[in-house]
Amino acid sequence: MTIHSSESQVPQGYSPRAEIDQALNATRAVIEEAIGYIERQEDGPLTMRFALRDIEDQVNALETEAIYAHRRTKQDCAAFTASARRRDPAIQVDHWAIWLARLSRGSTVKQLTLSVGC
């Protein structure tokens, strides 16, 4: 089962690294199981078909986790960018507020320009 980027959102509380590690370990386990079938000479067509289906299921699970991790990264980047866009003007407003407060206490514009760094 492949989940495409438009099909769902990242689950709440999702931890990408742990989920990807779990999917990788499960994939390795079914590959080792298939190798065991070959070593025990149980590698008939039906046995190997089931083994390959198990591997395919695990690869699909890994793909899903990778998609979730990618989507989570994109969401985190978007949140960071939005936060930075709000922060920069807020800092500028703070500078102006400090500048105006000092001006109202009798500082000269020249003194304020030097102290604020304008």
PDB file of N, CA and C in Angstrom:
ATOM      1  N   MET A   1       0.847  -1.177   0.000  1.00  0.00           N
ATOM      2  CA  MET A   1       0.000   0.000   0.000  1.00  0.00           C
ATOM      3  C   MET A   1       0.888   1.233   0.000  1.00  0.00           C
ATOM      4  N   THR A   2       0.773   2.052  -0.998  1.00  0.00           N
ATOM      5  CA  THR A   2       1.543   3.278  -1.087  1.00  0.00           C
ATOM      6  C   THR A   2       0.654   4.442  -0.723  1.00  0.00           C
ATOM      7  N   ILE A   3       1.158   5.299   0.162  1.00  0.00           N
ATOM      8  CA  ILE A   3       0.425   6.500   0.543  1.00  0.00           C
ATOM      9  C   ILE A   3       1.046   7.659  -0.205  1.00  0.00           C
ATOM     10  N   HIS A   4       0.261   8.349  -0.981  1.00  0.00           N
ATOM     11  CA  HIS A   4       0.761   9.496  -1.729  1.00  0.00           C
ATOM     12  C   HIS A   4       0.599  10.737  -0.875  1.00  0.00           C
ATOM     13  N   SER A   5       1.367  11.768  -1.198  1.00  0.00           N
ATOM     14  CA  SER A   5       1.462  12.952  -0.360  1.00  0.00           C
ATOM     15  C   SER A   5       0.127  13.633  -0.103  1.00  0.00           C
ATOM     16  N   SER A   6      -0.853  13.489  -0.946  1.00  0.00           N
ATOM     17  CA  SER A   6      -2.119  14.178  -0.742  1.00  0.00           C
ATOM     18  C   SER A   6      -3.138  13.350   0.037  1.00  0.00           C
ATOM     19  N   GLU A   7      -2.812  12.107   0.388  1.00  0.00           N
ATOM     20  CA  GLU A   7      -3.805  11.223   0.976  1.00  0.00           C
ATOM     21  C   GLU A   7      -4.031  11.400   2.465  1.00  0.00           C
ATOM     22  N   SER A   8      -3.023  11.781   3.244  1.00  0.00           N
ATOM     23  CA  SER A   8      -3.231  11.879   4.672  1.00  0.00           C
ATOM     24  C   SER A   8      -2.217  12.811   5.299  1.00  0.00           C
ATOM     25  N   GLN A   9      -2.514  13.215   6.529  1.00  0.00           N
ATOM     26  CA  GLN A   9      -1.614  14.059   7.292  1.00  0.00           C
ATOM     27  C   GLN A   9      -0.767  13.177   8.204  1.00  0.00           C
ATOM     28  N   VAL A  10       0.289  13.763   8.731  1.00  0.00           N
ATOM     29  CA  VAL A  10       1.153  13.043   9.656  1.00  0.00           C
ATOM     30  C   VAL A  10       0.391  12.834  10.964  1.00  0.00           C
ATOM     31  N   PRO A  11       0.390  11.612  11.511  1.00  0.00           N
ATOM     32  CA  PRO A  11      -0.314  11.376  12.772  1.00  0.00           C
ATOM     33  C   PRO A  11       0.253  12.240  13.900  1.00  0.00           C
ATOM     34  N   GLN A  12      -0.613  12.654  14.806  1.00  0.00           N
ATOM     35  CA  GLN A  12      -0.196  13.461  15.962  1.00  0.00           C
ATOM     36  C   GLN A  12       0.794  12.673  16.813  1.00  0.00           C
ATOM     37  N   GLY A  13       1.845  13.328  17.269  1.00  0.00           N
ATOM     38  CA  GLY A  13       2.841  12.676  18.112  1.00  0.00           C
ATOM     39  C   GLY A  13       3.751  11.711  17.368  1.00  0.00           C
ATOM     40  N   TYR A  14       3.784  11.814  16.069  1.00  0.00           N
ATOM     41  CA  TYR A  14       4.570  10.901  15.247  1.00  0.00           C
ATOM     42  C   TYR A  14       6.063  11.146  15.435  1.00  0.00           C
ATOM     43  N   SER A  15       6.821  10.068  15.639  1.00  0.00           N
ATOM     44  CA  SER A  15       8.276  10.150  15.781  1.00  0.00           C
ATOM     45  C   SER A  15       8.907   9.447  14.583  1.00  0.00           C
ATOM     46  N   PRO A  16       9.353  10.208  13.589  1.00  0.00           N
ATOM     47  CA  PRO A  16       9.807   9.573  12.351  1.00  0.00           C
ATOM     48  C   PRO A  16      10.962   8.599  12.515  1.00  0.00           C
ATOM     49  N   ARG A  17      11.957   8.923  13.304  1.00  0.00           N
ATOM     50  CA  ARG A  17      13.140   8.060  13.399  1.00  0.00           C
ATOM     51  C   ARG A  17      12.786   6.701  13.978  1.00  0.00           C
ATOM     52  N   ALA A  18      12.000   6.685  15.035  1.00  0.00           N
ATOM     53  CA  ALA A  18      11.637   5.409  15.664  1.00  0.00           C
ATOM     54  C   ALA A  18      10.808   4.547  14.719  1.00  0.00           C
ATOM     55  N   GLU A  19       9.869   5.162  14.025  1.00  0.00           N
ATOM     56  CA  GLU A  19       9.013   4.410  13.108  1.00  0.00           C
ATOM     57  C   GLU A  19       9.804   3.877  11.915  1.00  0.00           C
ATOM     58  N   ILE A  20      10.712   4.668  11.399  1.00  0.00           N
ATOM     59  CA  ILE A  20      11.533   4.215  10.268  1.00  0.00           C
ATOM     60  C   ILE A  20      12.449   3.080  10.711  1.00  0.00           C
ATOM     61  N   ASP A  21      13.057   3.206  11.890  1.00  0.00           N
ATOM     62  CA  ASP A  21      13.902   2.124  12.402  1.00  0.00           C
ATOM     63  C   ASP A  21      13.102   0.844  12.561  1.00  0.00           C
ATOM     64  N   GLN A  22      11.889   0.955  13.071  1.00  0.00           N
ATOM     65  CA  GLN A  22      11.042  -0.221  13.251  1.00  0.00           C
ATOM     66  C   GLN A  22      10.714  -0.867  11.898  1.00  0.00           C
ATOM     67  N   ALA A  23      10.369  -0.051  10.910  1.00  0.00           N
ATOM     68  CA  ALA A  23      10.063  -0.585   9.578  1.00  0.00           C
ATOM     69  C   ALA A  23      11.296  -1.218   8.937  1.00  0.00           C
ATOM     70  N   LEU A  24      12.455  -0.596   9.122  1.00  0.00           N
ATOM     71  CA  LEU A  24      13.695  -1.178   8.588  1.00  0.00           C
ATOM     72  C   LEU A  24      13.990  -2.530   9.229  1.00  0.00           C
ATOM     73  N   ASN A  25      13.856  -2.608  10.541  1.00  0.00           N
ATOM     74  CA  ASN A  25      14.116  -3.868  11.239  1.00  0.00           C
ATOM     75  C   ASN A  25      13.149  -4.961  10.797  1.00  0.00           C
ATOM     76  N   ALA A  26      11.886  -4.606  10.610  1.00  0.00           N
ATOM     77  CA  ALA A  26      10.901  -5.593  10.146  1.00  0.00           C
ATOM     78  C   ALA A  26      11.235  -6.049   8.733  1.00  0.00           C
ATOM     79  N   THR A  27      11.685  -5.139   7.888  1.00  0.00           N
ATOM     80  CA  THR A  27      12.071  -5.496   6.517  1.00  0.00           C
ATOM     81  C   THR A  27      13.262  -6.443   6.530  1.00  0.00           C
ATOM     82  N   ARG A  28      14.255  -6.105   7.343  1.00  0.00           N
ATOM     83  CA  ARG A  28      15.420  -7.001   7.448  1.00  0.00           C
ATOM     84  C   ARG A  28      15.020  -8.393   7.948  1.00  0.00           C
ATOM     85  N   ALA A  29      14.083  -8.432   8.880  1.00  0.00           N
ATOM     86  CA  ALA A  29      13.652  -9.722   9.442  1.00  0.00           C
ATOM     87  C   ALA A  29      12.994 -10.604   8.381  1.00  0.00           C
ATOM     88  N   VAL A  30      12.127 -10.017   7.538  1.00  0.00           N
ATOM     89  CA  VAL A  30      11.481 -10.861   6.521  1.00  0.00           C
ATOM     90  C   VAL A  30      12.467 -11.264   5.425  1.00  0.00           C
ATOM     91  N   ILE A  31      13.454 -10.437   5.163  1.00  0.00           N
ATOM     92  CA  ILE A  31      14.499 -10.836   4.205  1.00  0.00           C
ATOM     93  C   ILE A  31      15.298 -12.006   4.774  1.00  0.00           C
ATOM     94  N   GLU A  32      15.665 -11.923   6.044  1.00  0.00           N
ATOM     95  CA  GLU A  32      16.385 -13.029   6.691  1.00  0.00           C
ATOM     96  C   GLU A  32      15.539 -14.302   6.690  1.00  0.00           C
ATOM     97  N   GLU A  33      14.237 -14.160   6.888  1.00  0.00           N
ATOM     98  CA  GLU A  33      13.344 -15.318   6.857  1.00  0.00           C
ATOM     99  C   GLU A  33      13.364 -15.961   5.466  1.00  0.00           C
ATOM    100  N   ALA A  34      13.335 -15.126   4.413  1.00  0.00           N
ATOM    101  CA  ALA A  34      13.385 -15.663   3.046  1.00  0.00           C
ATOM    102  C   ALA A  34      14.714 -16.362   2.789  1.00  0.00           C
ATOM    103  N   ILE A  35      15.812 -15.797   3.285  1.00  0.00           N
ATOM    104  CA  ILE A  35      17.120 -16.443   3.140  1.00  0.00           C
ATOM    105  C   ILE A  35      17.126 -17.779   3.869  1.00  0.00           C
ATOM    106  N   GLY A  36      16.473 -17.825   5.017  1.00  0.00           N
ATOM    107  CA  GLY A  36      16.368 -19.083   5.757  1.00  0.00           C
ATOM    108  C   GLY A  36      15.642 -20.155   4.965  1.00  0.00           C
ATOM    109  N   TYR A  37      14.574 -19.763   4.250  1.00  0.00           N
ATOM    110  CA  TYR A  37      13.862 -20.723   3.406  1.00  0.00           C
ATOM    111  C   TYR A  37      14.805 -21.324   2.360  1.00  0.00           C
ATOM    112  N   ILE A  38      15.634 -20.465   1.780  1.00  0.00           N
ATOM    113  CA  ILE A  38      16.569 -20.933   0.750  1.00  0.00           C
ATOM    114  C   ILE A  38      17.598 -21.875   1.370  1.00  0.00           C
ATOM    115  N   GLU A  39      18.153 -21.480   2.521  1.00  0.00           N
ATOM    116  CA  GLU A  39      19.173 -22.315   3.178  1.00  0.00           C
ATOM    117  C   GLU A  39      18.614 -23.663   3.612  1.00  0.00           C
ATOM    118  N   ARG A  40      17.343 -23.701   4.026  1.00  0.00           N
ATOM    119  CA  ARG A  40      16.719 -24.965   4.438  1.00  0.00           C
ATOM    120  C   ARG A  40      16.106 -25.695   3.249  1.00  0.00           C
ATOM    121  N   GLN A  41      16.358 -25.160   2.072  1.00  0.00           N
ATOM    122  CA  GLN A  41      15.841 -25.720   0.823  1.00  0.00           C
ATOM    123  C   GLN A  41      14.316 -25.810   0.836  1.00  0.00           C
ATOM    124  N   GLU A  42      13.691 -24.807   1.450  1.00  0.00           N
ATOM    125  CA  GLU A  42      12.228 -24.704   1.435  1.00  0.00           C
ATOM    126  C   GLU A  42      11.830 -23.636   0.416  1.00  0.00           C
ATOM    127  N   ASP A  43      12.633 -23.480  -0.592  1.00  0.00           N
ATOM    128  CA  ASP A  43      12.469 -22.363  -1.507  1.00  0.00           C
ATOM    129  C   ASP A  43      11.625 -22.709  -2.729  1.00  0.00           C
ATOM    130  N   GLY A  44      10.564 -23.470  -2.522  1.00  0.00           N
ATOM    131  CA  GLY A  44       9.651 -23.761  -3.618  1.00  0.00           C
ATOM    132  C   GLY A  44       8.924 -22.493  -4.051  1.00  0.00           C
ATOM    133  N   PRO A  45       8.282 -22.539  -5.193  1.00  0.00           N
ATOM    134  CA  PRO A  45       7.626 -21.344  -5.727  1.00  0.00           C
ATOM    135  C   PRO A  45       6.593 -20.730  -4.775  1.00  0.00           C
ATOM    136  N   LEU A  46       5.797 -21.550  -4.136  1.00  0.00           N
ATOM    137  CA  LEU A  46       4.766 -21.028  -3.237  1.00  0.00           C
ATOM    138  C   LEU A  46       5.393 -20.382  -2.007  1.00  0.00           C
ATOM    139  N   THR A  47       6.380 -21.035  -1.420  1.00  0.00           N
ATOM    140  CA  THR A  47       7.054 -20.486  -0.240  1.00  0.00           C
ATOM    141  C   THR A  47       7.731 -19.162  -0.572  1.00  0.00           C
ATOM    142  N   MET A  48       8.424 -19.135  -1.687  1.00  0.00           N
ATOM    143  CA  MET A  48       9.128 -17.910  -2.054  1.00  0.00           C
ATOM    144  C   MET A  48       8.152 -16.799  -2.441  1.00  0.00           C
ATOM    145  N   ARG A  49       7.019 -17.142  -3.031  1.00  0.00           N
ATOM    146  CA  ARG A  49       6.012 -16.128  -3.368  1.00  0.00           C
ATOM    147  C   ARG A  49       5.514 -15.461  -2.082  1.00  0.00           C
ATOM    148  N   PHE A  50       5.233 -16.265  -1.051  1.00  0.00           N
ATOM    149  CA  PHE A  50       4.788 -15.693   0.227  1.00  0.00           C
ATOM    150  C   PHE A  50       5.898 -14.854   0.867  1.00  0.00           C
ATOM    151  N   ALA A  51       7.123 -15.337   0.778  1.00  0.00           N
ATOM    152  CA  ALA A  51       8.251 -14.594   1.347  1.00  0.00           C
ATOM    153  C   ALA A  51       8.423 -13.248   0.643  1.00  0.00           C
ATOM    154  N   LEU A  52       8.312 -13.260  -0.675  1.00  0.00           N
ATOM    155  CA  LEU A  52       8.452 -12.012  -1.429  1.00  0.00           C
ATOM    156  C   LEU A  52       7.296 -11.054  -1.153  1.00  0.00           C
ATOM    157  N   ARG A  53       6.110 -11.577  -0.952  1.00  0.00           N
ATOM    158  CA  ARG A  53       4.972 -10.710  -0.586  1.00  0.00           C
ATOM    159  C   ARG A  53       5.211 -10.061   0.778  1.00  0.00           C
ATOM    160  N   ASP A  54       5.759 -10.840   1.720  1.00  0.00           N
ATOM    161  CA  ASP A  54       6.075 -10.273   3.039  1.00  0.00           C
ATOM    162  C   ASP A  54       7.113  -9.152   2.914  1.00  0.00           C
ATOM    163  N   ILE A  55       8.115  -9.393   2.072  1.00  0.00           N
ATOM    164  CA  ILE A  55       9.138  -8.365   1.862  1.00  0.00           C
ATOM    165  C   ILE A  55       8.499  -7.124   1.232  1.00  0.00           C
ATOM    166  N   GLU A  56       7.652  -7.329   0.251  1.00  0.00           N
ATOM    167  CA  GLU A  56       6.985  -6.198  -0.406  1.00  0.00           C
ATOM    168  C   GLU A  56       6.138  -5.410   0.590  1.00  0.00           C
ATOM    169  N   ASP A  57       5.419  -6.114   1.464  1.00  0.00           N
ATOM    170  CA  ASP A  57       4.610  -5.436   2.488  1.00  0.00           C
ATOM    171  C   ASP A  57       5.483  -4.579   3.397  1.00  0.00           C
ATOM    172  N   GLN A  58       6.637  -5.110   3.782  1.00  0.00           N
ATOM    173  CA  GLN A  58       7.532  -4.361   4.660  1.00  0.00           C
ATOM    174  C   GLN A  58       8.153  -3.163   3.942  1.00  0.00           C
ATOM    175  N   VAL A  59       8.479  -3.322   2.663  1.00  0.00           N
ATOM    176  CA  VAL A  59       9.017  -2.195   1.892  1.00  0.00           C
ATOM    177  C   VAL A  59       7.947  -1.109   1.767  1.00  0.00           C
ATOM    178  N   ASN A  60       6.695  -1.500   1.565  1.00  0.00           N
ATOM    179  CA  ASN A  60       5.612  -0.524   1.503  1.00  0.00           C
ATOM    180  C   ASN A  60       5.444   0.197   2.843  1.00  0.00           C
ATOM    181  N   ALA A  61       5.580  -0.535   3.945  1.00  0.00           N
ATOM    182  CA  ALA A  61       5.496   0.098   5.265  1.00  0.00           C
ATOM    183  C   ALA A  61       6.635   1.090   5.464  1.00  0.00           C
ATOM    184  N   LEU A  62       7.810   0.716   5.003  1.00  0.00           N
ATOM    185  CA  LEU A  62       8.967   1.611   5.087  1.00  0.00           C
ATOM    186  C   LEU A  62       8.743   2.862   4.237  1.00  0.00           C
ATOM    187  N   GLU A  63       8.186   2.679   3.058  1.00  0.00           N
ATOM    188  CA  GLU A  63       7.877   3.823   2.192  1.00  0.00           C
ATOM    189  C   GLU A  63       6.889   4.765   2.873  1.00  0.00           C
ATOM    190  N   THR A  64       5.892   4.208   3.521  1.00  0.00           N
ATOM    191  CA  THR A  64       4.911   5.017   4.246  1.00  0.00           C
ATOM    192  C   THR A  64       5.586   5.836   5.332  1.00  0.00           C
ATOM    193  N   GLU A  65       6.476   5.207   6.091  1.00  0.00           N
ATOM    194  CA  GLU A  65       7.179   5.924   7.150  1.00  0.00           C
ATOM    195  C   GLU A  65       8.060   7.025   6.580  1.00  0.00           C
ATOM    196  N   ALA A  66       8.698   6.756   5.440  1.00  0.00           N
ATOM    197  CA  ALA A  66       9.538   7.774   4.808  1.00  0.00           C
ATOM    198  C   ALA A  66       8.688   8.957   4.340  1.00  0.00           C
ATOM    199  N   ILE A  67       7.507   8.675   3.813  1.00  0.00           N
ATOM    200  CA  ILE A  67       6.603   9.749   3.386  1.00  0.00           C
ATOM    201  C   ILE A  67       6.172  10.574   4.590  1.00  0.00           C
ATOM    202  N   TYR A  68       5.808   9.903   5.684  1.00  0.00           N
ATOM    203  CA  TYR A  68       5.436  10.628   6.908  1.00  0.00           C
ATOM    204  C   TYR A  68       6.587  11.502   7.404  1.00  0.00           C
ATOM    205  N   ALA A  69       7.803  10.952   7.385  1.00  0.00           N
ATOM    206  CA  ALA A  69       8.964  11.708   7.858  1.00  0.00           C
ATOM    207  C   ALA A  69       9.206  12.927   6.966  1.00  0.00           C
ATOM    208  N   HIS A  70       9.084  12.740   5.665  1.00  0.00           N
ATOM    209  CA  HIS A  70       9.264  13.853   4.733  1.00  0.00           C
ATOM    210  C   HIS A  70       8.195  14.922   4.964  1.00  0.00           C
ATOM    211  N   ARG A  71       6.949  14.483   5.125  1.00  0.00           N
ATOM    212  CA  ARG A  71       5.851  15.421   5.347  1.00  0.00           C
ATOM    213  C   ARG A  71       6.043  16.165   6.670  1.00  0.00           C
ATOM    214  N   ARG A  72       6.499  15.457   7.695  1.00  0.00           N
ATOM    215  CA  ARG A  72       6.736  16.086   8.993  1.00  0.00           C
ATOM    216  C   ARG A  72       7.832  17.141   8.886  1.00  0.00           C
ATOM    217  N   THR A  73       8.879  16.826   8.129  1.00  0.00           N
ATOM    218  CA  THR A  73       9.960  17.785   7.921  1.00  0.00           C
ATOM    219  C   THR A  73       9.446  19.027   7.209  1.00  0.00           C
ATOM    220  N   LYS A  74       8.621  18.829   6.186  1.00  0.00           N
ATOM    221  CA  LYS A  74       8.051  19.972   5.470  1.00  0.00           C
ATOM    222  C   LYS A  74       7.176  20.808   6.392  1.00  0.00           C
ATOM    223  N   GLN A  75       6.380  20.155   7.251  1.00  0.00           N
ATOM    224  CA  GLN A  75       5.528  20.884   8.187  1.00  0.00           C
ATOM    225  C   GLN A  75       6.375  21.676   9.179  1.00  0.00           C
ATOM    226  N   ASP A  76       7.433  21.052   9.682  1.00  0.00           N
ATOM    227  CA  ASP A  76       8.316  21.743  10.626  1.00  0.00           C
ATOM    228  C   ASP A  76       8.996  22.939   9.972  1.00  0.00           C
ATOM    229  N   CYS A  77       9.440  22.777   8.726  1.00  0.00           N
ATOM    230  CA  CYS A  77      10.079  23.890   8.009  1.00  0.00           C
ATOM    231  C   CYS A  77       9.091  25.025   7.776  1.00  0.00           C
ATOM    232  N   ALA A  78       7.874  24.688   7.418  1.00  0.00           N
ATOM    233  CA  ALA A  78       6.856  25.717   7.191  1.00  0.00           C
ATOM    234  C   ALA A  78       6.559  26.466   8.490  1.00  0.00           C
ATOM    235  N   ALA A  79       6.469  25.738   9.602  1.00  0.00           N
ATOM    236  CA  ALA A  79       6.213  26.382  10.890  1.00  0.00           C
ATOM    237  C   ALA A  79       7.377  27.289  11.279  1.00  0.00           C
ATOM    238  N   PHE A  80       8.592  26.840  11.053  1.00  0.00           N
ATOM    239  CA  PHE A  80       9.766  27.645  11.367  1.00  0.00           C
ATOM    240  C   PHE A  80       9.789  28.910  10.520  1.00  0.00           C
ATOM    241  N   THR A  81       9.515  28.767   9.229  1.00  0.00           N
ATOM    242  CA  THR A  81       9.516  29.925   8.332  1.00  0.00           C
ATOM    243  C   THR A  81       8.453  30.931   8.748  1.00  0.00           C
ATOM    244  N   ALA A  82       7.265  30.452   9.073  1.00  0.00           N
ATOM    245  CA  ALA A  82       6.192  31.353   9.504  1.00  0.00           C
ATOM    246  C   ALA A  82       6.572  32.059  10.802  1.00  0.00           C
ATOM    247  N   SER A  83       7.193  31.332  11.707  1.00  0.00           N
ATOM    248  CA  SER A  83       7.632  31.921  12.971  1.00  0.00           C
ATOM    249  C   SER A  83       8.686  32.993  12.741  1.00  0.00           C
ATOM    250  N   ALA A  84       9.625  32.726  11.866  1.00  0.00           N
ATOM    251  CA  ALA A  84      10.679  33.707  11.565  1.00  0.00           C
ATOM    252  C   ALA A  84      10.093  34.948  10.907  1.00  0.00           C
ATOM    253  N   ARG A  85       9.103  34.758  10.052  1.00  0.00           N
ATOM    254  CA  ARG A  85       8.465  35.908   9.399  1.00  0.00           C
ATOM    255  C   ARG A  85       7.730  36.787  10.400  1.00  0.00           C
ATOM    256  N   ARG A  86       7.164  36.182  11.445  1.00  0.00           N
ATOM    257  CA  ARG A  86       6.492  36.966  12.489  1.00  0.00           C
ATOM    258  C   ARG A  86       7.500  37.593  13.432  1.00  0.00           C
ATOM    259  N   ARG A  87       8.620  36.910  13.655  1.00  0.00           N
ATOM    260  CA  ARG A  87       9.620  37.387  14.594  1.00  0.00           C
ATOM    261  C   ARG A  87      10.321  38.652  14.108  1.00  0.00           C
ATOM    262  N   ASP A  88      10.735  38.685  12.869  1.00  0.00           N
ATOM    263  CA  ASP A  88      11.516  39.810  12.355  1.00  0.00           C
ATOM    264  C   ASP A  88      10.791  41.146  12.489  1.00  0.00           C
ATOM    265  N   PRO A  89       9.523  41.250  12.073  1.00  0.00           N
ATOM    266  CA  PRO A  89       8.822  42.518  12.272  1.00  0.00           C
ATOM    267  C   PRO A  89       8.614  42.842  13.753  1.00  0.00           C
ATOM    268  N   ALA A  90       8.423  41.816  14.571  1.00  0.00           N
ATOM    269  CA  ALA A  90       8.234  42.045  16.011  1.00  0.00           C
ATOM    270  C   ALA A  90       9.500  42.641  16.618  1.00  0.00           C
ATOM    271  N   ILE A  91      10.648  42.182  16.205  1.00  0.00           N
ATOM    272  CA  ILE A  91      11.916  42.737  16.701  1.00  0.00           C
ATOM    273  C   ILE A  91      12.041  44.197  16.274  1.00  0.00           C
ATOM    274  N   GLN A  92      11.664  44.473  15.047  1.00  0.00           N
ATOM    275  CA  GLN A  92      11.726  45.853  14.565  1.00  0.00           C
ATOM    276  C   GLN A  92      10.778  46.751  15.370  1.00  0.00           C
ATOM    277  N   VAL A  93       9.582  46.271  15.664  1.00  0.00           N
ATOM    278  CA  VAL A  93       8.636  47.039  16.484  1.00  0.00           C
ATOM    279  C   VAL A  93       9.218  47.270  17.872  1.00  0.00           C
ATOM    280  N   ASP A  94       9.854  46.253  18.444  1.00  0.00           N
ATOM    281  CA  ASP A  94      10.491  46.414  19.755  1.00  0.00           C
ATOM    282  C   ASP A  94      11.559  47.494  19.711  1.00  0.00           C
ATOM    283  N   HIS A  95      12.376  47.511  18.673  1.00  0.00           N
ATOM    284  CA  HIS A  95      13.407  48.539  18.544  1.00  0.00           C
ATOM    285  C   HIS A  95      12.787  49.937  18.479  1.00  0.00           C
ATOM    286  N   TRP A  96      11.719  50.057  17.692  1.00  0.00           N
ATOM    287  CA  TRP A  96      11.054  51.351  17.588  1.00  0.00           C
ATOM    288  C   TRP A  96      10.430  51.751  18.921  1.00  0.00           C
ATOM    289  N   ALA A  97       9.853  50.800  19.636  1.00  0.00           N
ATOM    290  CA  ALA A  97       9.240  51.111  20.934  1.00  0.00           C
ATOM    291  C   ALA A  97      10.300  51.597  21.921  1.00  0.00           C
ATOM    292  N   ILE A  98      11.450  50.943  21.944  1.00  0.00           N
ATOM    293  CA  ILE A  98      12.548  51.372  22.825  1.00  0.00           C
ATOM    294  C   ILE A  98      13.024  52.758  22.416  1.00  0.00           C
ATOM    295  N   TRP A  99      13.166  52.955  21.120  1.00  0.00           N
ATOM    296  CA  TRP A  99      13.629  54.236  20.594  1.00  0.00           C
ATOM    297  C   TRP A  99      12.673  55.360  20.993  1.00  0.00           C
ATOM    298  N   LEU A 100      11.358  55.095  20.811  1.00  0.00           N
ATOM    299  CA  LEU A 100      10.364  56.121  21.150  1.00  0.00           C
ATOM    300  C   LEU A 100      10.297  56.364  22.659  1.00  0.00           C
ATOM    301  N   ALA A 101      10.451  55.314  23.458  1.00  0.00           N
ATOM    302  CA  ALA A 101      10.432  55.479  24.912  1.00  0.00           C
ATOM    303  C   ALA A 101      11.607  56.333  25.371  1.00  0.00           C
ATOM    304  N   ARG A 102      12.756  56.084  24.824  1.00  0.00           N
ATOM    305  CA  ARG A 102      13.927  56.888  25.187  1.00  0.00           C
ATOM    306  C   ARG A 102      13.769  58.333  24.698  1.00  0.00           C
ATOM    307  N   LEU A 103      13.183  58.489  23.522  1.00  0.00           N
ATOM    308  CA  LEU A 103      12.950  59.835  22.984  1.00  0.00           C
ATOM    309  C   LEU A 103      11.990  60.605  23.887  1.00  0.00           C
ATOM    310  N   SER A 104      10.970  59.901  24.396  1.00  0.00           N
ATOM    311  CA  SER A 104      10.008  60.581  25.268  1.00  0.00           C
ATOM    312  C   SER A 104      10.614  60.953  26.624  1.00  0.00           C
ATOM    313  N   ARG A 105      11.708  60.321  27.000  1.00  0.00           N
ATOM    314  CA  ARG A 105      12.392  60.649  28.260  1.00  0.00           C
ATOM    315  C   ARG A 105      13.434  61.742  28.080  1.00  0.00           C
ATOM    316  N   GLY A 106      13.516  62.305  26.888  1.00  0.00           N
ATOM    317  CA  GLY A 106      14.383  63.446  26.695  1.00  0.00           C
ATOM    318  C   GLY A 106      15.660  63.177  25.940  1.00  0.00           C
ATOM    319  N   SER A 107      15.879  61.991  25.469  1.00  0.00           N
ATOM    320  CA  SER A 107      17.087  61.724  24.679  1.00  0.00           C
ATOM    321  C   SER A 107      16.956  62.418  23.336  1.00  0.00           C
ATOM    322  N   THR A 108      18.078  62.759  22.761  1.00  0.00           N
ATOM    323  CA  THR A 108      18.046  63.376  21.438  1.00  0.00           C
ATOM    324  C   THR A 108      18.030  62.288  20.377  1.00  0.00           C
ATOM    325  N   VAL A 109      17.597  62.654  19.202  1.00  0.00           N
ATOM    326  CA  VAL A 109      17.544  61.700  18.093  1.00  0.00           C
ATOM    327  C   VAL A 109      18.940  61.178  17.788  1.00  0.00           C
ATOM    328  N   LYS A 110      19.948  62.044  17.870  1.00  0.00           N
ATOM    329  CA  LYS A 110      21.329  61.629  17.604  1.00  0.00           C
ATOM    330  C   LYS A 110      21.771  60.579  18.624  1.00  0.00           C
ATOM    331  N   GLN A 111      21.476  60.787  19.915  1.00  0.00           N
ATOM    332  CA  GLN A 111      21.846  59.809  20.943  1.00  0.00           C
ATOM    333  C   GLN A 111      21.128  58.477  20.705  1.00  0.00           C
ATOM    334  N   LEU A 112      19.860  58.566  20.338  1.00  0.00           N
ATOM    335  CA  LEU A 112      19.080  57.331  20.102  1.00  0.00           C
ATOM    336  C   LEU A 112      19.597  56.579  18.880  1.00  0.00           C
ATOM    337  N   THR A 113      19.954  57.276  17.837  1.00  0.00           N
ATOM    338  CA  THR A 113      20.458  56.623  16.633  1.00  0.00           C
ATOM    339  C   THR A 113      21.742  55.870  16.947  1.00  0.00           C
ATOM    340  N   LEU A 114      22.595  56.441  17.752  1.00  0.00           N
ATOM    341  CA  LEU A 114      23.844  55.772  18.123  1.00  0.00           C
ATOM    342  C   LEU A 114      23.595  54.570  19.034  1.00  0.00           C
ATOM    343  N   SER A 115      22.626  54.684  19.963  1.00  0.00           N
ATOM    344  CA  SER A 115      22.410  53.588  20.931  1.00  0.00           C
ATOM    345  C   SER A 115      21.666  52.398  20.306  1.00  0.00           C
ATOM    346  N   VAL A 116      20.778  52.667  19.364  1.00  0.00           N
ATOM    347  CA  VAL A 116      20.014  51.578  18.752  1.00  0.00           C
ATOM    348  C   VAL A 116      20.757  50.983  17.560  1.00  0.00           C
ATOM    349  N   GLY A 117      21.653  51.750  16.995  1.00  0.00           N
ATOM    350  CA  GLY A 117      22.424  51.232  15.873  1.00  0.00           C
ATOM    351  C   GLY A 117      21.772  51.488  14.539  1.00  0.00           C
ATOM    352  N   CYS A 118      20.981  52.533  14.414  1.00  0.00           N
ATOM    353  CA  CYS A 118      20.319  52.847  13.141  1.00  0.00           C
ATOM    354  C   CYS A 118      21.256  53.604  12.242  1.00  0.00           C
TER     355      CYS A 118
END
